[in-house]
Amino acid sequence: MTNLSYCYDLHCHSTASDGTFSPAQLMQRAVDNQVNVLALTDHDTIKGLAAAHQYIEQHHLPLHLINGVEISTYWKSTEIHIVGLNINTASQPLNALLIAQENQRIERAKEIAYKLKKVSIDDAYAQAQIYAQGDIVSRAHFARFLIANGYVKDMKHAFKKYLGKSGYAYVAPKWTTIEEAIAVIHQANGQAVLAHPSRYDFTLSKMRTLIAYFKLQAGDAIEVSQSRQTIDELNILAKCAVDFDLLASQGSDFHDAMNYLDLGKTQPLPQSVTPIWHNWTL
């Protein structure tokens, strides 16, 4: 079987960050969805990878797991995510950066909880920790707490009213830079991928400016095929990959079981692009 016949999903999340499936459950769901190559790319952590590999080995799953991570960066007042694929998890620079990012997450979560308390939502940090299941608290965990307790009806409203840029409890992140994230991924022998370029609420011109900057910093690929995407969006991103001489990746960005978003449920990459896996040996 050649690489081209595989079903790839190179972007997903487990309970090690803000997903709702454990690493083991995620591996099983990937196989059930006929995904052959999966990258686990939790936010600023690689803590779920060992359990994922262990589950695959114990159950003899027909699944190739790519070691991945999604690093949060800050660029022009916007949080930009850089996925690292095929990373060496023992890399000292990578682990040092992830520790720094983890500390920033903890600090930001406590500041969010403080702001929520000012609008009469008490004990938010402790409650969000329950949803984080012992791992680092993210805004998604606060959102789940707010939904469960009737403060908002869904994720969209949680971010609009409380957690997004215009929300009562918004705290600007202090993430690393795009250039440092790319450099650290490369030091870990990985490939750096600009995650979901069309989801940053940018104009086409600003999105291309971001992609150009990413390329200038020696980025390797952009996500061309993603979930919840029109054919026009797919073609625009494919053209960007060609225009900036970048490889093309694809990934569902799966966090939770929803009808419109699942592992492996992305459109095939257009023939005009070069897949990021074109020279992988699986």
C-alpha atoms as a PDB file:
ATOM      1  CA  MET A   1       0.000   0.000   0.000  1.00  0.00           C
ATOM      2  CA  THR A   2       1.420   3.385  -0.981  1.00  0.00           C
ATOM      3  CA  ASN A   3       1.236   6.596   1.021  1.00  0.00           C
ATOM      4  CA  LEU A   4      -1.368   7.984  -1.352  1.00  0.00           C
ATOM      5  CA  SER A   5      -3.860   5.254  -0.407  1.00  0.00           C
ATOM      6  CA  TYR A   6      -3.766   6.076   3.280  1.00  0.00           C
ATOM      7  CA  CYS A   7      -6.386   8.154   5.080  1.00  0.00           C
ATOM      8  CA  TYR A   8      -4.543  10.926   6.921  1.00  0.00           C
ATOM      9  CA  ASP A   9      -5.699  13.095   9.811  1.00  0.00           C
ATOM     10  CA  LEU A  10      -2.798  15.229  10.989  1.00  0.00           C
ATOM     11  CA  HIS A  11      -4.490  17.449  13.577  1.00  0.00           C
ATOM     12  CA  CYS A  12      -6.517  16.300  16.596  1.00  0.00           C
ATOM     13  CA  HIS A  13      -6.737  16.722  20.366  1.00  0.00           C
ATOM     14  CA  SER A  14      -7.128  14.488  23.405  1.00  0.00           C
ATOM     15  CA  THR A  15      -7.828  15.071  27.088  1.00  0.00           C
ATOM     16  CA  ALA A  16      -4.123  15.861  27.449  1.00  0.00           C
ATOM     17  CA  SER A  17      -5.165  19.334  26.250  1.00  0.00           C
ATOM     18  CA  ASP A  18      -8.738  20.412  25.466  1.00  0.00           C
ATOM     19  CA  GLY A  19     -10.183  17.348  23.733  1.00  0.00           C
ATOM     20  CA  THR A  20     -12.898  15.197  25.323  1.00  0.00           C
ATOM     21  CA  PHE A  21     -11.512  11.791  24.269  1.00  0.00           C
ATOM     22  CA  SER A  22      -8.621  10.173  26.111  1.00  0.00           C
ATOM     23  CA  PRO A  23      -5.590   9.297  23.951  1.00  0.00           C
ATOM     24  CA  ALA A  24      -6.706   5.647  23.964  1.00  0.00           C
ATOM     25  CA  GLN A  25     -10.286   6.504  22.976  1.00  0.00           C
ATOM     26  CA  LEU A  26      -8.964   8.759  20.221  1.00  0.00           C
ATOM     27  CA  MET A  27      -6.835   5.966  18.753  1.00  0.00           C
ATOM     28  CA  GLN A  28      -9.777   3.582  18.723  1.00  0.00           C
ATOM     29  CA  ARG A  29     -12.052   6.173  17.107  1.00  0.00           C
ATOM     30  CA  ALA A  30      -9.447   6.799  14.403  1.00  0.00           C
ATOM     31  CA  VAL A  31      -9.388   3.102  13.510  1.00  0.00           C
ATOM     32  CA  ASP A  32     -13.200   2.909  13.630  1.00  0.00           C
ATOM     33  CA  ASN A  33     -13.252   5.840  11.165  1.00  0.00           C
ATOM     34  CA  GLN A  34     -10.733   4.060   8.903  1.00  0.00           C
ATOM     35  CA  VAL A  35      -7.944   6.571   9.507  1.00  0.00           C
ATOM     36  CA  ASN A  36      -4.563   4.955   8.789  1.00  0.00           C
ATOM     37  CA  VAL A  37      -2.211   7.813   9.752  1.00  0.00           C
ATOM     38  CA  LEU A  38      -3.062  10.025  12.715  1.00  0.00           C
ATOM     39  CA  ALA A  39      -1.128  12.874  14.323  1.00  0.00           C
ATOM     40  CA  LEU A  40      -1.973  13.646  17.935  1.00  0.00           C
ATOM     41  CA  THR A  41      -1.359  17.392  18.224  1.00  0.00           C
ATOM     42  CA  ASP A  42      -2.425  18.537  21.668  1.00  0.00           C
ATOM     43  CA  HIS A  43      -2.062  22.206  22.580  1.00  0.00           C
ATOM     44  CA  ASP A  44       1.420  22.929  23.919  1.00  0.00           C
ATOM     45  CA  THR A  45       1.880  19.424  25.328  1.00  0.00           C
ATOM     46  CA  ILE A  46       3.094  15.990  24.270  1.00  0.00           C
ATOM     47  CA  LYS A  47       1.823  14.265  27.410  1.00  0.00           C
ATOM     48  CA  GLY A  48      -0.809  12.201  25.597  1.00  0.00           C
ATOM     49  CA  LEU A  49       1.549  10.538  23.129  1.00  0.00           C
ATOM     50  CA  ALA A  50       2.892   7.762  25.379  1.00  0.00           C
ATOM     51  CA  ALA A  51      -0.588   6.501  26.261  1.00  0.00           C
ATOM     52  CA  ALA A  52      -1.622   6.678  22.603  1.00  0.00           C
ATOM     53  CA  HIS A  53       1.346   4.618  21.438  1.00  0.00           C
ATOM     54  CA  GLN A  54       0.793   2.132  24.267  1.00  0.00           C
ATOM     55  CA  TYR A  55      -2.845   1.600  23.309  1.00  0.00           C
ATOM     56  CA  ILE A  56      -1.960   1.034  19.650  1.00  0.00           C
ATOM     57  CA  GLU A  57       0.669  -1.553  20.601  1.00  0.00           C
ATOM     58  CA  GLN A  58      -1.469  -3.345  23.188  1.00  0.00           C
ATOM     59  CA  HIS A  59      -4.431  -3.677  20.832  1.00  0.00           C
ATOM     60  CA  HIS A  60      -2.418  -4.215  17.632  1.00  0.00           C
ATOM     61  CA  LEU A  61      -4.255  -1.427  15.848  1.00  0.00           C
ATOM     62  CA  PRO A  62      -3.647  -0.842  12.121  1.00  0.00           C
ATOM     63  CA  LEU A  63      -2.771   2.791  12.800  1.00  0.00           C
ATOM     64  CA  HIS A  64       0.436   4.770  12.301  1.00  0.00           C
ATOM     65  CA  LEU A  65       0.682   7.470  14.979  1.00  0.00           C
ATOM     66  CA  ILE A  66       2.650  10.617  14.174  1.00  0.00           C
ATOM     67  CA  ASN A  67       4.177  12.400  17.171  1.00  0.00           C
ATOM     68  CA  GLY A  68       2.762  15.904  17.055  1.00  0.00           C
ATOM     69  CA  VAL A  69       2.060  19.057  18.996  1.00  0.00           C
ATOM     70  CA  GLU A  70       0.188  22.320  18.375  1.00  0.00           C
ATOM     71  CA  ILE A  71       2.158  25.302  19.641  1.00  0.00           C
ATOM     72  CA  SER A  72       0.335  28.536  20.473  1.00  0.00           C
ATOM     73  CA  THR A  73       1.984  31.709  19.199  1.00  0.00           C
ATOM     74  CA  TYR A  74       1.078  35.404  19.143  1.00  0.00           C
ATOM     75  CA  TRP A  75       1.365  37.495  15.969  1.00  0.00           C
ATOM     76  CA  LYS A  76      -0.096  40.958  15.340  1.00  0.00           C
ATOM     77  CA  SER A  77      -2.502  40.680  18.311  1.00  0.00           C
ATOM     78  CA  THR A  78      -3.798  37.308  17.121  1.00  0.00           C
ATOM     79  CA  GLU A  79      -3.211  33.812  18.479  1.00  0.00           C
ATOM     80  CA  ILE A  80      -1.724  31.703  15.686  1.00  0.00           C
ATOM     81  CA  HIS A  81      -1.241  27.936  15.980  1.00  0.00           C
ATOM     82  CA  ILE A  82       1.753  26.060  14.588  1.00  0.00           C
ATOM     83  CA  VAL A  83       1.526  22.273  14.352  1.00  0.00           C
ATOM     84  CA  GLY A  84       4.707  20.230  14.660  1.00  0.00           C
ATOM     85  CA  LEU A  85       4.697  16.813  12.969  1.00  0.00           C
ATOM     86  CA  ASN A  86       7.141  13.918  13.337  1.00  0.00           C
ATOM     87  CA  ILE A  87       8.788  15.601  16.295  1.00  0.00           C
ATOM     88  CA  ASN A  88      11.418  14.026  18.531  1.00  0.00           C
ATOM     89  CA  THR A  89       9.666  14.143  21.892  1.00  0.00           C
ATOM     90  CA  ALA A  90      13.012  13.962  23.741  1.00  0.00           C
ATOM     91  CA  SER A  91      14.170  17.268  22.232  1.00  0.00           C
ATOM     92  CA  GLN A  92      15.410  19.546  25.027  1.00  0.00           C
ATOM     93  CA  PRO A  93      14.516  22.850  23.299  1.00  0.00           C
ATOM     94  CA  LEU A  94      11.017  21.554  22.536  1.00  0.00           C
ATOM     95  CA  ASN A  95      10.403  20.425  26.101  1.00  0.00           C
ATOM     96  CA  ALA A  96      11.766  23.682  27.506  1.00  0.00           C
ATOM     97  CA  LEU A  97       9.369  25.678  25.349  1.00  0.00           C
ATOM     98  CA  LEU A  98       6.404  23.466  26.294  1.00  0.00           C
ATOM     99  CA  ILE A  99       7.164  23.942  29.999  1.00  0.00           C
ATOM    100  CA  ALA A 100       7.187  27.720  29.469  1.00  0.00           C
ATOM    101  CA  GLN A 101       3.912  27.527  27.543  1.00  0.00           C
ATOM    102  CA  GLU A 102       2.366  25.358  30.269  1.00  0.00           C
ATOM    103  CA  ASN A 103       3.300  27.905  32.932  1.00  0.00           C
ATOM    104  CA  GLN A 104       1.751  30.632  30.809  1.00  0.00           C
ATOM    105  CA  ARG A 105      -1.456  28.594  30.488  1.00  0.00           C
ATOM    106  CA  ILE A 106      -1.694  28.225  34.257  1.00  0.00           C
ATOM    107  CA  GLU A 107      -1.127  31.942  34.804  1.00  0.00           C
ATOM    108  CA  ARG A 108      -3.678  32.879  32.144  1.00  0.00           C
ATOM    109  CA  ALA A 109      -6.282  30.468  33.540  1.00  0.00           C
ATOM    110  CA  LYS A 110      -5.994  31.995  36.998  1.00  0.00           C
ATOM    111  CA  GLU A 111      -6.394  35.485  35.543  1.00  0.00           C
ATOM    112  CA  ILE A 112      -9.501  34.363  33.641  1.00  0.00           C
ATOM    113  CA  ALA A 113     -10.954  32.916  36.856  1.00  0.00           C
ATOM    114  CA  TYR A 114     -10.264  36.207  38.642  1.00  0.00           C
ATOM    115  CA  LYS A 115     -12.155  38.131  35.952  1.00  0.00           C
ATOM    116  CA  LEU A 116     -15.046  35.657  36.074  1.00  0.00           C
ATOM    117  CA  LYS A 117     -15.272  36.149  39.827  1.00  0.00           C
ATOM    118  CA  LYS A 118     -15.634  39.903  39.231  1.00  0.00           C
ATOM    119  CA  VAL A 119     -18.836  39.138  37.271  1.00  0.00           C
ATOM    120  CA  SER A 120     -20.124  36.877  40.062  1.00  0.00           C
ATOM    121  CA  ILE A 121     -18.981  33.525  38.651  1.00  0.00           C
ATOM    122  CA  ASP A 122     -17.189  31.977  41.616  1.00  0.00           C
ATOM    123  CA  ASP A 123     -14.767  29.049  41.870  1.00  0.00           C
ATOM    124  CA  ALA A 124     -14.285  28.954  38.092  1.00  0.00           C
ATOM    125  CA  TYR A 125     -10.670  27.749  38.143  1.00  0.00           C
ATOM    126  CA  ALA A 126     -11.402  24.770  40.387  1.00  0.00           C
ATOM    127  CA  GLN A 127     -14.471  23.915  38.331  1.00  0.00           C
ATOM    128  CA  ALA A 128     -12.559  24.181  35.049  1.00  0.00           C
ATOM    129  CA  GLN A 129      -9.895  21.866  36.496  1.00  0.00           C
ATOM    130  CA  ILE A 130     -12.550  19.163  36.794  1.00  0.00           C
ATOM    131  CA  TYR A 131     -13.180  19.381  33.057  1.00  0.00           C
ATOM    132  CA  ALA A 132      -9.427  19.382  32.408  1.00  0.00           C
ATOM    133  CA  GLN A 133      -9.213  15.991  34.188  1.00  0.00           C
ATOM    134  CA  GLY A 134      -5.971  16.839  35.904  1.00  0.00           C
ATOM    135  CA  ASP A 135      -4.293  18.453  32.922  1.00  0.00           C
ATOM    136  CA  ILE A 136      -3.739  22.133  32.147  1.00  0.00           C
ATOM    137  CA  VAL A 137      -6.852  24.320  32.148  1.00  0.00           C
ATOM    138  CA  SER A 138      -7.703  26.005  28.840  1.00  0.00           C
ATOM    139  CA  ARG A 139     -10.451  28.374  27.774  1.00  0.00           C
ATOM    140  CA  ALA A 140     -12.369  25.363  26.428  1.00  0.00           C
ATOM    141  CA  HIS A 141     -12.516  23.920  29.943  1.00  0.00           C
ATOM    142  CA  PHE A 142     -13.886  27.209  31.293  1.00  0.00           C
ATOM    143  CA  ALA A 143     -16.426  27.160  28.471  1.00  0.00           C
ATOM    144  CA  ARG A 144     -17.613  23.654  29.391  1.00  0.00           C
ATOM    145  CA  PHE A 145     -18.018  24.748  33.001  1.00  0.00           C
ATOM    146  CA  LEU A 146     -20.016  27.825  31.927  1.00  0.00           C
ATOM    147  CA  ILE A 147     -22.277  25.713  29.697  1.00  0.00           C
ATOM    148  CA  ALA A 148     -22.840  23.013  32.323  1.00  0.00           C
ATOM    149  CA  ASN A 149     -23.845  25.621  34.904  1.00  0.00           C
ATOM    150  CA  GLY A 150     -26.238  27.508  32.664  1.00  0.00           C
ATOM    151  CA  TYR A 151     -24.251  30.720  32.225  1.00  0.00           C
ATOM    152  CA  VAL A 152     -24.280  30.258  28.440  1.00  0.00           C
ATOM    153  CA  LYS A 153     -25.944  27.808  26.054  1.00  0.00           C
ATOM    154  CA  ASP A 154     -22.978  26.691  23.964  1.00  0.00           C
ATOM    155  CA  MET A 155     -19.285  27.149  23.131  1.00  0.00           C
ATOM    156  CA  LYS A 156     -19.943  29.994  20.723  1.00  0.00           C
ATOM    157  CA  HIS A 157     -21.736  32.041  23.364  1.00  0.00           C
ATOM    158  CA  ALA A 158     -19.172  31.158  26.042  1.00  0.00           C
ATOM    159  CA  PHE A 159     -16.443  32.718  23.950  1.00  0.00           C
ATOM    160  CA  LYS A 160     -18.561  35.635  22.755  1.00  0.00           C
ATOM    161  CA  LYS A 161     -19.740  36.654  26.217  1.00  0.00           C
ATOM    162  CA  TYR A 162     -16.825  35.678  28.446  1.00  0.00           C
ATOM    163  CA  LEU A 163     -13.721  34.126  26.886  1.00  0.00           C
ATOM    164  CA  GLY A 164     -13.182  35.664  23.451  1.00  0.00           C
ATOM    165  CA  LYS A 165     -11.527  39.011  22.713  1.00  0.00           C
ATOM    166  CA  SER A 166     -14.689  40.983  23.453  1.00  0.00           C
ATOM    167  CA  GLY A 167     -15.648  38.889  26.497  1.00  0.00           C
ATOM    168  CA  TYR A 168     -15.800  39.942  30.142  1.00  0.00           C
ATOM    169  CA  ALA A 169     -13.036  37.529  31.166  1.00  0.00           C
ATOM    170  CA  TYR A 170     -10.704  37.726  28.189  1.00  0.00           C
ATOM    171  CA  VAL A 171      -6.999  37.653  29.003  1.00  0.00           C
ATOM    172  CA  ALA A 172      -4.531  38.281  26.192  1.00  0.00           C
ATOM    173  CA  PRO A 173      -2.054  35.401  25.901  1.00  0.00           C
ATOM    174  CA  LYS A 174       1.706  35.718  26.217  1.00  0.00           C
ATOM    175  CA  TRP A 175       2.614  32.915  23.873  1.00  0.00           C
ATOM    176  CA  THR A 176       5.888  32.379  22.075  1.00  0.00           C
ATOM    177  CA  THR A 177       6.561  33.777  18.604  1.00  0.00           C
ATOM    178  CA  ILE A 178       5.970  32.077  15.272  1.00  0.00           C
ATOM    179  CA  GLU A 179       9.692  32.089  14.553  1.00  0.00           C
ATOM    180  CA  GLU A 180      10.573  30.420  17.859  1.00  0.00           C
ATOM    181  CA  ALA A 181       7.879  27.771  17.436  1.00  0.00           C
ATOM    182  CA  ILE A 182       9.170  26.893  13.958  1.00  0.00           C
ATOM    183  CA  ALA A 183      12.788  26.857  15.130  1.00  0.00           C
ATOM    184  CA  VAL A 184      12.004  24.567  18.066  1.00  0.00           C
ATOM    185  CA  ILE A 185      10.005  22.181  15.857  1.00  0.00           C
ATOM    186  CA  HIS A 186      12.937  22.010  13.455  1.00  0.00           C
ATOM    187  CA  GLN A 187      15.345  21.405  16.347  1.00  0.00           C
ATOM    188  CA  ALA A 188      13.115  18.439  17.221  1.00  0.00           C
ATOM    189  CA  ASN A 189      13.537  17.180  13.623  1.00  0.00           C
ATOM    190  CA  GLY A 190       9.896  17.918  12.866  1.00  0.00           C
ATOM    191  CA  GLN A 191       7.960  19.772  10.186  1.00  0.00           C
ATOM    192  CA  ALA A 192       6.193  23.041  11.018  1.00  0.00           C
ATOM    193  CA  VAL A 193       2.632  23.462   9.726  1.00  0.00           C
ATOM    194  CA  LEU A 194       0.531  26.625   9.864  1.00  0.00           C
ATOM    195  CA  ALA A 195      -2.761  25.408  11.339  1.00  0.00           C
ATOM    196  CA  HIS A 196      -6.132  26.350   9.797  1.00  0.00           C
ATOM    197  CA  PRO A 197      -4.978  29.596   8.082  1.00  0.00           C
ATOM    198  CA  SER A 198      -8.510  30.566   7.076  1.00  0.00           C
ATOM    199  CA  ARG A 199      -9.911  30.513  10.615  1.00  0.00           C
ATOM    200  CA  TYR A 200      -8.184  33.555  12.067  1.00  0.00           C
ATOM    201  CA  ASP A 201     -10.895  35.988  10.970  1.00  0.00           C
ATOM    202  CA  PHE A 202      -8.479  37.633   8.535  1.00  0.00           C
ATOM    203  CA  THR A 203      -9.108  39.131   5.130  1.00  0.00           C
ATOM    204  CA  LEU A 204      -7.583  37.166   2.273  1.00  0.00           C
ATOM    205  CA  SER A 205      -4.841  39.788   2.025  1.00  0.00           C
ATOM    206  CA  LYS A 206      -3.933  39.512   5.725  1.00  0.00           C
ATOM    207  CA  MET A 207      -4.065  35.714   5.577  1.00  0.00           C
ATOM    208  CA  ARG A 208      -1.577  35.774   2.714  1.00  0.00           C
ATOM    209  CA  THR A 209       0.589  38.179   4.736  1.00  0.00           C
ATOM    210  CA  LEU A 210       0.574  35.648   7.575  1.00  0.00           C
ATOM    211  CA  ILE A 211       1.461  32.798   5.215  1.00  0.00           C
ATOM    212  CA  ALA A 212       4.249  34.871   3.672  1.00  0.00           C
ATOM    213  CA  TYR A 213       5.639  35.586   7.149  1.00  0.00           C
ATOM    214  CA  PHE A 214       5.386  31.907   8.084  1.00  0.00           C
ATOM    215  CA  LYS A 215       7.292  30.992   4.919  1.00  0.00           C
ATOM    216  CA  LEU A 216       9.932  33.644   5.665  1.00  0.00           C
ATOM    217  CA  GLN A 217      10.533  31.992   9.038  1.00  0.00           C
ATOM    218  CA  ALA A 218      11.192  28.645   7.256  1.00  0.00           C
ATOM    219  CA  GLY A 219       7.772  27.093   7.843  1.00  0.00           C
ATOM    220  CA  ASP A 220       7.190  23.876   5.927  1.00  0.00           C
ATOM    221  CA  ALA A 221       3.472  23.509   5.211  1.00  0.00           C
ATOM    222  CA  ILE A 222      -0.020  24.893   5.676  1.00  0.00           C
ATOM    223  CA  GLU A 223      -3.229  23.052   6.424  1.00  0.00           C
ATOM    224  CA  VAL A 224      -5.120  23.079   3.155  1.00  0.00           C
ATOM    225  CA  SER A 225      -7.852  20.546   3.909  1.00  0.00           C
ATOM    226  CA  GLN A 226      -9.731  20.958   7.167  1.00  0.00           C
ATOM    227  CA  SER A 227     -13.177  20.274   8.573  1.00  0.00           C
ATOM    228  CA  ARG A 228     -16.134  22.653   8.099  1.00  0.00           C
ATOM    229  CA  GLN A 229     -14.711  23.910   4.833  1.00  0.00           C
ATOM    230  CA  THR A 230     -16.212  24.857   1.469  1.00  0.00           C
ATOM    231  CA  ILE A 231     -14.664  23.876  -1.845  1.00  0.00           C
ATOM    232  CA  ASP A 232     -13.826  27.551  -2.450  1.00  0.00           C
ATOM    233  CA  GLU A 233     -11.916  27.718   0.857  1.00  0.00           C
ATOM    234  CA  LEU A 234     -10.078  24.508  -0.019  1.00  0.00           C
ATOM    235  CA  ASN A 235      -9.068  25.898  -3.407  1.00  0.00           C
ATOM    236  CA  ILE A 236      -7.952  29.248  -1.951  1.00  0.00           C
ATOM    237  CA  LEU A 237      -5.674  27.496   0.538  1.00  0.00           C
ATOM    238  CA  ALA A 238      -4.360  25.167  -2.154  1.00  0.00           C
ATOM    239  CA  LYS A 239      -3.442  28.190  -4.253  1.00  0.00           C
ATOM    240  CA  CYS A 240      -1.662  29.742  -1.263  1.00  0.00           C
ATOM    241  CA  ALA A 241       0.351  26.553  -0.766  1.00  0.00           C
ATOM    242  CA  VAL A 242       1.420  26.649  -4.416  1.00  0.00           C
ATOM    243  CA  ASP A 243       2.064  30.409  -4.469  1.00  0.00           C
ATOM    244  CA  PHE A 244       4.306  30.278  -1.394  1.00  0.00           C
ATOM    245  CA  ASP A 245       5.956  26.949  -2.266  1.00  0.00           C
ATOM    246  CA  LEU A 246       4.686  25.235   0.864  1.00  0.00           C
ATOM    247  CA  LEU A 247       3.660  21.627   1.401  1.00  0.00           C
ATOM    248  CA  ALA A 248      -0.002  20.847   2.102  1.00  0.00           C
ATOM    249  CA  SER A 249      -1.370  19.158   5.210  1.00  0.00           C
ATOM    250  CA  GLN A 250      -4.844  18.087   6.244  1.00  0.00           C
ATOM    251  CA  GLY A 251      -6.522  17.580   9.591  1.00  0.00           C
ATOM    252  CA  SER A 252      -9.909  17.587  11.250  1.00  0.00           C
ATOM    253  CA  ASP A 253      -8.848  19.535  14.384  1.00  0.00           C
ATOM    254  CA  PHE A 254     -11.052  17.031  16.212  1.00  0.00           C
ATOM    255  CA  HIS A 255     -11.881  17.836  19.845  1.00  0.00           C
ATOM    256  CA  ASP A 256     -15.297  16.323  20.448  1.00  0.00           C
ATOM    257  CA  ALA A 257     -17.893  14.088  18.786  1.00  0.00           C
ATOM    258  CA  MET A 258     -20.092  16.313  16.644  1.00  0.00           C
ATOM    259  CA  ASN A 259     -22.087  15.512  13.528  1.00  0.00           C
ATOM    260  CA  TYR A 260     -20.133  17.897  11.317  1.00  0.00           C
ATOM    261  CA  LEU A 261     -16.641  17.220  12.671  1.00  0.00           C
ATOM    262  CA  ASP A 262     -14.952  13.856  13.128  1.00  0.00           C
ATOM    263  CA  LEU A 263     -11.618  12.139  12.702  1.00  0.00           C
ATOM    264  CA  GLY A 264     -10.729  11.632   9.056  1.00  0.00           C
ATOM    265  CA  LYS A 265     -13.641  13.729   7.802  1.00  0.00           C
ATOM    266  CA  THR A 266     -11.829  16.156   5.529  1.00  0.00           C
ATOM    267  CA  GLN A 267     -11.788  16.648   1.778  1.00  0.00           C
ATOM    268  CA  PRO A 268      -8.970  15.130  -0.296  1.00  0.00           C
ATOM    269  CA  LEU A 269      -6.084  17.454  -1.065  1.00  0.00           C
ATOM    270  CA  PRO A 270      -6.253  18.982  -4.556  1.00  0.00           C
ATOM    271  CA  GLN A 271      -3.821  17.540  -7.089  1.00  0.00           C
ATOM    272  CA  SER A 272      -2.166  20.943  -7.469  1.00  0.00           C
ATOM    273  CA  VAL A 273      -0.421  20.677  -4.070  1.00  0.00           C
ATOM    274  CA  THR A 274       2.383  18.514  -2.710  1.00  0.00           C
ATOM    275  CA  PRO A 275       1.221  16.597   0.392  1.00  0.00           C
ATOM    276  CA  ILE A 276       3.385  16.942   3.475  1.00  0.00           C
ATOM    277  CA  TRP A 277       3.664  13.149   3.571  1.00  0.00           C
ATOM    278  CA  HIS A 278       4.987  12.866   0.006  1.00  0.00           C
ATOM    279  CA  ASN A 279       8.397  11.650   1.209  1.00  0.00           C
ATOM    280  CA  TRP A 280       7.405   9.987   4.485  1.00  0.00           C
ATOM    281  CA  THR A 281       8.264   6.340   5.058  1.00  0.00           C
ATOM    282  CA  LEU A 282       5.422   4.634   6.914  1.00  0.00           C
END
